[in-house]
Amino acid sequence: MFYKFTLTLAVILANACNPPATTKETPKVPAVEDAVKEVNLTGSVWHYIQRKRWKLIQMNGQMQEQSSVWLEFDTTARRISGNGGCNKLAGAYNLTADTISFRQVISTRMACVDQAANEREVTFLRLLSDHPYTFDVADQTLQLYDSSKIILMFGAMDKESQQ
């Protein structure tokens, strides 16, 4: 009896000291992975975006029929260039898997005779400055969203077109 008790105790202690090995996979943290994921700028969407000039057609829910505001994207340098309506503009942009943010946006400072065009340009430049947007490209439009609301909508034009 003592022998069985000692043997049982030895087996229990041996198992307690060496727990079975687990093959648990380390859980993935999507937010961290998305933040560091390199965005492929050679894919068809970004290739299409780079080939077009993007004319502003809607800003903060207001149609912009008389707008001469436009952007072009250089996906190699991750830079933008364009026109705010009165002045030329340039800057840089950052991408994650589903967001775009513009930074270091600068513009020339020529006087704008048309007060409505001046106000449009000031609002447009403010909206571009250091704010992340989710985006999509559909039906020849580039749409920038904040909290599922379209903030800026651009229509695709050929780069040669100077409208």
Protein backbone atom coordinates (compact mmCIF):
# COMPACT_ATOMS: atom_id res chain seq x y z
CA MET A 1 0.00 0.00 0.00
CA PHE A 2 2.79 2.40 0.93
CA TYR A 3 4.51 1.52 -2.36
CA LYS A 4 1.39 2.43 -4.45
CA PHE A 5 0.97 5.70 -2.53
CA THR A 6 4.62 6.67 -3.12
CA LEU A 7 4.43 5.78 -6.79
CA THR A 8 1.20 7.77 -7.26
CA LEU A 9 2.69 10.77 -5.44
CA ALA A 10 5.82 10.61 -7.64
CA VAL A 11 3.72 10.58 -10.83
CA ILE A 12 1.62 13.54 -9.63
CA LEU A 13 4.72 15.57 -8.71
CA ALA A 14 6.43 14.77 -12.01
CA ASN A 15 3.41 15.97 -13.98
CA ALA A 16 3.08 19.11 -11.86
CA CYS A 17 6.70 20.09 -12.52
CA ASN A 18 6.47 19.58 -16.27
CA PRO A 19 3.18 20.93 -17.63
CA PRO A 20 2.33 19.74 -21.12
CA ALA A 21 3.71 21.89 -23.92
CA THR A 22 1.14 23.97 -25.74
CA THR A 23 1.28 25.09 -29.33
CA LYS A 24 -0.76 28.21 -28.80
CA GLU A 25 -0.31 30.74 -31.58
CA THR A 26 0.44 34.29 -30.52
CA PRO A 27 -2.69 36.34 -31.10
CA LYS A 28 -2.41 38.95 -33.84
CA VAL A 29 -3.16 42.56 -33.05
CA PRO A 30 -4.89 43.98 -36.14
CA ALA A 31 -4.54 47.66 -35.21
CA VAL A 32 -0.78 47.36 -34.86
CA GLU A 33 -0.42 45.27 -38.01
CA ASP A 34 -2.51 47.73 -40.04
CA ALA A 35 -0.51 50.69 -38.78
CA VAL A 36 2.81 49.26 -39.93
CA LYS A 37 1.58 47.47 -43.05
CA GLU A 38 3.27 48.81 -46.17
CA VAL A 39 0.68 49.99 -48.63
CA ASN A 40 1.22 48.77 -52.17
CA LEU A 41 1.20 51.87 -54.37
CA THR A 42 1.74 49.90 -57.55
CA GLY A 43 -1.66 48.22 -57.29
CA SER A 44 -4.36 49.00 -59.80
CA VAL A 45 -6.21 51.54 -57.60
CA TRP A 46 -3.14 53.66 -56.94
CA HIS A 47 -1.94 53.28 -60.51
CA TYR A 48 -5.33 54.66 -61.58
CA ILE A 49 -5.23 57.47 -58.99
CA GLN A 50 -1.80 58.60 -60.17
CA ARG A 51 -2.85 58.72 -63.84
CA LYS A 52 -5.72 61.14 -63.16
CA ARG A 53 -6.25 64.73 -62.10
CA TRP A 54 -8.83 64.85 -59.30
CA LYS A 55 -11.19 67.84 -59.51
CA LEU A 56 -13.11 68.81 -56.37
CA ILE A 57 -16.83 68.26 -56.94
CA GLN A 58 -18.14 68.20 -53.36
CA MET A 59 -16.86 69.62 -50.06
CA ASN A 60 -18.61 69.23 -46.69
CA GLY A 61 -21.80 68.10 -48.43
CA GLN A 62 -21.90 71.10 -50.80
CA MET A 63 -21.57 70.61 -54.56
CA GLN A 64 -18.74 72.65 -56.10
CA GLU A 65 -19.92 73.32 -59.67
CA GLN A 66 -17.69 76.38 -60.19
CA SER A 67 -14.64 74.87 -58.52
CA SER A 68 -11.22 75.00 -60.11
CA VAL A 69 -9.73 73.03 -57.19
CA TRP A 70 -7.82 69.87 -58.14
CA LEU A 71 -5.16 67.44 -56.90
CA GLU A 72 -2.69 65.10 -58.57
CA PHE A 73 -0.87 62.28 -56.78
CA ASP A 74 2.74 61.19 -57.25
CA THR A 75 2.74 57.70 -55.74
CA THR A 76 6.50 57.27 -56.10
CA ALA A 77 7.36 60.29 -53.94
CA ARG A 78 4.06 60.22 -51.99
CA ARG A 79 3.48 63.86 -52.87
CA ILE A 80 0.49 65.86 -54.04
CA SER A 81 0.31 68.90 -56.26
CA GLY A 82 -2.66 70.89 -57.34
CA ASN A 83 -4.60 74.09 -57.30
CA GLY A 84 -6.69 75.41 -54.43
CA GLY A 85 -8.76 77.60 -56.74
CA CYS A 86 -6.58 80.70 -56.48
CA ASN A 87 -3.15 79.32 -55.65
CA LYS A 88 -0.98 76.36 -56.53
CA LEU A 89 -0.47 73.85 -53.73
CA ALA A 90 1.87 71.01 -52.89
CA GLY A 91 2.39 68.62 -50.02
CA ALA A 92 2.93 65.05 -48.93
CA TYR A 93 0.62 62.25 -47.91
CA ASN A 94 0.78 59.14 -45.75
CA LEU A 95 -1.16 55.94 -46.30
CA THR A 96 -2.17 52.99 -44.21
CA ALA A 97 -4.29 50.13 -45.48
CA ASP A 98 -7.48 52.20 -45.36
CA THR A 99 -6.57 55.80 -44.48
CA ILE A 100 -4.86 58.74 -46.10
CA SER A 101 -3.60 61.87 -44.38
CA PHE A 102 -2.03 64.92 -45.95
CA ARG A 103 0.87 66.77 -44.35
CA GLN A 104 3.10 69.74 -45.02
CA VAL A 105 0.53 71.21 -47.42
CA ILE A 106 1.76 74.57 -48.70
CA SER A 107 0.39 77.01 -51.25
CA THR A 108 1.34 80.19 -52.99
CA ARG A 109 -0.30 83.30 -51.52
CA MET A 110 -1.66 85.24 -54.45
CA ALA A 111 -4.71 87.42 -53.92
CA CYS A 112 -7.97 85.88 -55.03
CA VAL A 113 -10.39 88.37 -56.60
CA ASP A 114 -13.44 86.12 -56.19
CA GLN A 115 -14.43 86.02 -52.49
CA ALA A 116 -16.28 82.70 -52.87
CA ALA A 117 -13.20 81.10 -54.47
CA ASN A 118 -11.03 82.49 -51.66
CA GLU A 119 -13.32 81.02 -48.97
CA ARG A 120 -13.43 77.68 -50.83
CA GLU A 121 -9.63 77.55 -50.97
CA VAL A 122 -9.21 78.38 -47.27
CA THR A 123 -11.70 75.65 -46.32
CA PHE A 124 -10.11 73.14 -48.69
CA LEU A 125 -6.59 73.74 -47.36
CA ARG A 126 -7.85 73.49 -43.77
CA LEU A 127 -9.54 70.15 -44.52
CA LEU A 128 -6.36 68.75 -46.07
CA SER A 129 -4.13 69.70 -43.14
CA ASP A 130 -3.02 66.81 -40.91
CA HIS A 131 -6.30 64.92 -40.73
CA PRO A 132 -6.67 61.19 -41.45
CA TYR A 133 -9.48 60.18 -43.79
CA THR A 134 -10.76 56.83 -44.90
CA PHE A 135 -11.07 56.75 -48.67
CA ASP A 136 -12.42 54.84 -51.62
CA VAL A 137 -12.38 55.10 -55.39
CA ALA A 138 -15.57 54.21 -57.23
CA ASP A 139 -17.28 55.31 -60.44
CA GLN A 140 -14.43 57.70 -61.30
CA THR A 141 -14.65 59.47 -57.95
CA LEU A 142 -12.19 59.64 -55.08
CA GLN A 143 -14.04 60.11 -51.79
CA LEU A 144 -12.51 61.06 -48.44
CA TYR A 145 -14.56 60.22 -45.34
CA ASP A 146 -14.52 61.27 -41.72
CA SER A 147 -16.67 59.06 -39.48
CA SER A 148 -18.48 57.60 -42.53
CA LYS A 149 -19.42 61.09 -43.79
CA ILE A 150 -18.07 62.23 -47.17
CA ILE A 151 -15.94 65.32 -46.54
CA LEU A 152 -14.25 65.70 -49.94
CA MET A 153 -15.28 64.16 -53.26
CA PHE A 154 -13.17 64.46 -56.39
CA GLY A 155 -14.00 63.52 -59.96
CA ALA A 156 -11.40 61.90 -62.24
CA MET A 157 -10.14 63.91 -65.21
CA ASP A 158 -7.38 63.28 -67.68
CA LYS A 159 -4.18 65.02 -66.59
CA GLU A 160 -3.97 66.80 -69.94
CA SER A 161 -7.35 68.44 -69.32
CA GLN A 162 -6.95 71.90 -67.80
CA GLN A 163 -10.57 72.55 -66.79
